[in-house]
N, C-alpha and C. Protein backbone atom coordinates (compact mmCIF):
# COMPACT_ATOMS: atom_id res chain seq x y z
N MET A 1 -28.70 -29.24 2.25
CA MET A 1 -27.56 -28.58 1.43
C MET A 1 -26.82 -28.41 2.75
N ASN A 2 -25.37 -28.71 3.03
CA ASN A 2 -24.81 -28.30 4.37
C ASN A 2 -24.08 -26.64 4.10
N GLU A 3 -24.28 -25.89 4.65
CA GLU A 3 -23.87 -24.46 4.70
C GLU A 3 -22.82 -24.41 5.76
N ASN A 4 -21.53 -23.68 5.56
CA ASN A 4 -20.65 -23.57 6.48
C ASN A 4 -20.84 -21.82 6.71
N THR A 5 -20.66 -22.03 8.06
CA THR A 5 -20.98 -20.39 8.31
C THR A 5 -19.68 -19.84 9.24
N VAL A 6 -18.92 -18.54 9.08
CA VAL A 6 -18.61 -18.24 10.18
C VAL A 6 -18.58 -16.92 10.24
N THR A 7 -18.39 -16.69 11.76
CA THR A 7 -18.87 -15.45 12.13
C THR A 7 -18.00 -14.63 12.68
N ILE A 8 -17.45 -13.45 12.18
CA ILE A 8 -16.40 -12.78 12.46
C ILE A 8 -17.28 -11.40 13.26
N ARG A 9 -16.40 -10.52 13.67
CA ARG A 9 -16.61 -9.22 14.43
C ARG A 9 -17.04 -8.40 13.11
N GLN A 10 -17.84 -7.54 13.38
CA GLN A 10 -18.08 -6.54 12.26
C GLN A 10 -16.73 -5.72 12.34
N GLU A 11 -16.32 -5.20 13.46
CA GLU A 11 -14.60 -4.35 13.16
C GLU A 11 -13.63 -5.06 12.18
N ARG A 12 -13.65 -6.50 12.51
CA ARG A 12 -12.95 -7.25 11.61
C ARG A 12 -13.02 -7.25 10.20
N TYR A 13 -14.57 -7.74 9.90
CA TYR A 13 -15.16 -7.66 8.70
C TYR A 13 -14.66 -6.05 8.14
N GLU A 14 -15.11 -5.15 8.43
CA GLU A 14 -14.59 -3.95 8.08
C GLU A 14 -12.80 -3.86 7.75
N GLU A 15 -12.34 -4.29 8.50
CA GLU A 15 -11.27 -4.18 8.33
C GLU A 15 -10.71 -5.32 6.82
N LEU A 16 -11.23 -6.27 6.53
CA LEU A 16 -11.07 -7.28 5.87
C LEU A 16 -11.47 -6.60 4.48
N LEU A 17 -12.72 -5.66 4.56
CA LEU A 17 -13.36 -4.90 3.29
C LEU A 17 -12.39 -4.33 2.94
N ASP A 18 -11.96 -3.44 3.99
CA ASP A 18 -10.44 -2.07 3.47
C ASP A 18 -9.39 -2.57 3.02
N SER A 19 -9.01 -3.91 3.58
CA SER A 19 -8.17 -4.49 2.72
C SER A 19 -7.74 -4.93 1.26
N GLU A 20 -9.08 -5.55 1.46
CA GLU A 20 -9.56 -5.83 -0.19
C GLU A 20 -9.72 -4.64 -1.21
N THR A 21 -10.17 -3.57 -0.89
CA THR A 21 -10.71 -2.41 -1.62
C THR A 21 -8.73 -2.10 -1.95
N ARG A 22 -8.08 -1.75 -0.99
CA ARG A 22 -6.78 -1.16 -0.80
C ARG A 22 -5.81 -2.10 -1.93
N VAL A 23 -6.27 -3.60 -2.13
CA VAL A 23 -5.42 -4.17 -3.10
C VAL A 23 -5.83 -4.14 -4.18
N ASP A 24 -7.26 -3.64 -4.39
CA ASP A 24 -7.96 -3.89 -5.74
C ASP A 24 -7.57 -2.54 -6.11
N VAL A 25 -7.08 -1.80 -5.28
CA VAL A 25 -6.85 0.06 -5.92
C VAL A 25 -5.25 -0.39 -6.55
N LEU A 26 -4.44 -0.81 -5.64
CA LEU A 26 -3.25 -1.07 -6.28
C LEU A 26 -3.18 -1.82 -7.34
N LEU A 27 -4.36 -3.17 -7.50
CA LEU A 27 -4.25 -4.01 -9.04
C LEU A 27 -4.44 -3.10 -10.08
N ASP A 28 -5.26 -2.23 -9.97
CA ASP A 28 -6.08 -1.16 -10.67
C ASP A 28 -4.75 0.01 -11.16
N VAL A 29 -3.89 0.48 -10.14
CA VAL A 29 -2.66 1.17 -10.75
C VAL A 29 -1.73 0.49 -11.56
N ILE A 30 -1.53 -0.67 -10.98
CA ILE A 30 -0.19 -1.14 -11.45
C ILE A 30 -0.97 -1.84 -13.01
N ARG A 31 -2.08 -1.70 -13.24
CA ARG A 31 -2.59 -2.33 -14.75
C ARG A 31 -2.48 -1.21 -15.60
N VAL A 32 -3.31 -0.06 -14.86
CA VAL A 32 -2.99 1.10 -15.89
C VAL A 32 -1.41 2.02 -16.03
N GLU A 33 -0.83 2.01 -15.18
CA GLU A 33 0.63 2.42 -14.88
C GLU A 33 1.55 1.90 -15.42
N LYS A 34 1.18 0.19 -15.23
CA LYS A 34 2.74 -0.41 -15.71
C LYS A 34 3.63 -0.43 -14.55
N PHE A 35 3.96 0.46 -13.43
CA PHE A 35 4.96 0.59 -12.81
C PHE A 35 4.08 1.32 -11.57
N ILE A 36 4.86 1.29 -10.29
CA ILE A 36 4.01 1.44 -9.20
C ILE A 36 5.50 1.83 -8.31
N ALA A 37 6.13 2.89 -7.65
CA ALA A 37 7.08 3.32 -6.47
C ALA A 37 6.76 1.92 -5.19
N ILE A 38 7.66 2.07 -4.57
CA ILE A 38 7.56 0.63 -3.66
C ILE A 38 6.96 1.54 -2.40
N LYS A 39 6.96 3.01 -2.12
CA LYS A 39 6.24 4.12 -1.06
C LYS A 39 4.78 4.49 -1.68
N ASP A 40 4.49 4.24 -2.66
CA ASP A 40 3.12 4.40 -3.39
C ASP A 40 2.19 3.08 -2.66
N ILE A 41 3.06 2.11 -2.87
CA ILE A 41 2.38 0.81 -2.36
C ILE A 41 2.34 0.85 -1.12
N PHE A 42 3.34 0.92 -0.21
CA PHE A 42 3.35 0.95 0.96
C PHE A 42 1.78 2.16 1.47
N ARG A 43 1.52 3.32 0.64
CA ARG A 43 0.63 4.32 1.14
C ARG A 43 -0.80 3.89 0.76
N ILE A 44 -0.89 2.82 -0.06
CA ILE A 44 -2.11 2.16 -1.04
C ILE A 44 -2.52 1.24 0.22
N LEU A 45 -1.51 0.44 0.69
CA LEU A 45 -1.64 -0.51 1.15
C LEU A 45 -2.32 -0.08 3.03
N GLY A 46 -1.62 1.34 3.48
CA GLY A 46 -2.08 1.80 4.28
C GLY A 46 -1.28 1.85 5.45
N CYS A 47 0.47 1.67 4.89
CA CYS A 47 1.28 1.69 5.65
C CYS A 47 2.10 3.36 5.26
N THR A 48 1.66 4.10 5.95
CA THR A 48 2.19 5.31 5.85
C THR A 48 3.61 5.57 6.52
N GLN A 49 3.90 5.13 7.33
CA GLN A 49 5.15 5.34 7.95
C GLN A 49 6.22 4.71 7.04
N ASP A 50 5.65 3.17 6.59
CA ASP A 50 6.89 2.81 5.83
C ASP A 50 7.17 3.61 4.46
N GLY A 51 6.28 4.21 4.27
CA GLY A 51 6.10 5.38 2.80
C GLY A 51 6.95 6.28 3.00
N LYS A 52 6.76 7.40 4.28
CA LYS A 52 7.19 8.16 4.63
C LYS A 52 8.88 7.72 4.77
N ARG A 53 8.99 6.82 5.38
CA ARG A 53 10.67 6.12 5.78
C ARG A 53 11.10 6.10 4.25
N ILE A 54 10.54 5.64 3.23
CA ILE A 54 11.38 5.23 2.00
C ILE A 54 11.50 6.97 1.27
N GLU A 55 10.35 7.53 1.27
CA GLU A 55 10.37 8.62 0.49
C GLU A 55 11.72 9.44 1.23
N ALA A 56 11.82 9.54 2.86
CA ALA A 56 12.76 10.37 3.51
C ALA A 56 14.13 9.64 2.82
N LYS A 57 14.23 8.21 3.06
CA LYS A 57 15.65 8.18 2.08
C LYS A 57 15.83 8.56 1.09
N GLU A 58 15.04 8.44 0.22
CA GLU A 58 15.05 8.81 -1.43
C GLU A 58 15.61 10.21 -1.51
N ARG A 59 14.90 11.10 -0.67
CA ARG A 59 15.29 12.53 -0.60
C ARG A 59 16.71 12.74 -0.38
N GLU A 60 16.79 11.88 0.86
CA GLU A 60 18.66 12.34 1.48
C GLU A 60 19.52 11.50 0.20
N GLU A 61 19.35 10.86 -0.22
CA GLU A 61 20.24 10.21 -1.78
C GLU A 61 20.27 11.11 -2.61
N LEU A 62 19.31 11.94 -3.11
CA LEU A 62 18.87 12.91 -4.43
C LEU A 62 19.56 14.17 -3.77
N ILE A 63 19.91 14.25 -2.36
CA ILE A 63 20.49 15.26 -1.79
C ILE A 63 22.00 15.56 -1.77
N ARG A 64 22.34 13.98 -1.51
CA ARG A 64 23.45 13.56 -1.58
C ARG A 64 24.23 13.49 -2.61
N ASP A 65 23.24 12.92 -3.75
CA ASP A 65 23.48 13.03 -5.29
C ASP A 65 24.14 14.54 -6.08
N GLU A 66 23.54 15.04 -5.71
CA GLU A 66 23.24 16.72 -5.89
C GLU A 66 24.27 17.72 -5.93
N GLY A 67 24.58 16.73 -4.40
CA GLY A 67 26.00 17.46 -3.54
C GLY A 67 27.34 16.84 -4.44
N GLU A 68 27.36 16.05 -5.03
CA GLU A 68 28.04 15.23 -5.60
C GLU A 68 28.66 15.91 -7.01
N GLU A 69 27.86 16.15 -7.28
CA GLU A 69 28.00 17.18 -8.84
C GLU A 69 28.88 18.21 -8.84
């Protein structure tokens, strides 16, 4: 039997496991909640700066909308 072997650095392996875990969590949330905000997707995937940017934009829009009433 011919086995194919790939060697990667342990650090990269841990990054891949982390990514896989984050995707699994995201899928579980989507299955349970049937909805997820984009900012929460970014947070789960570890893109916290993007999540904060979206949240700040939403906050600005809410403040602007409240000011128009």
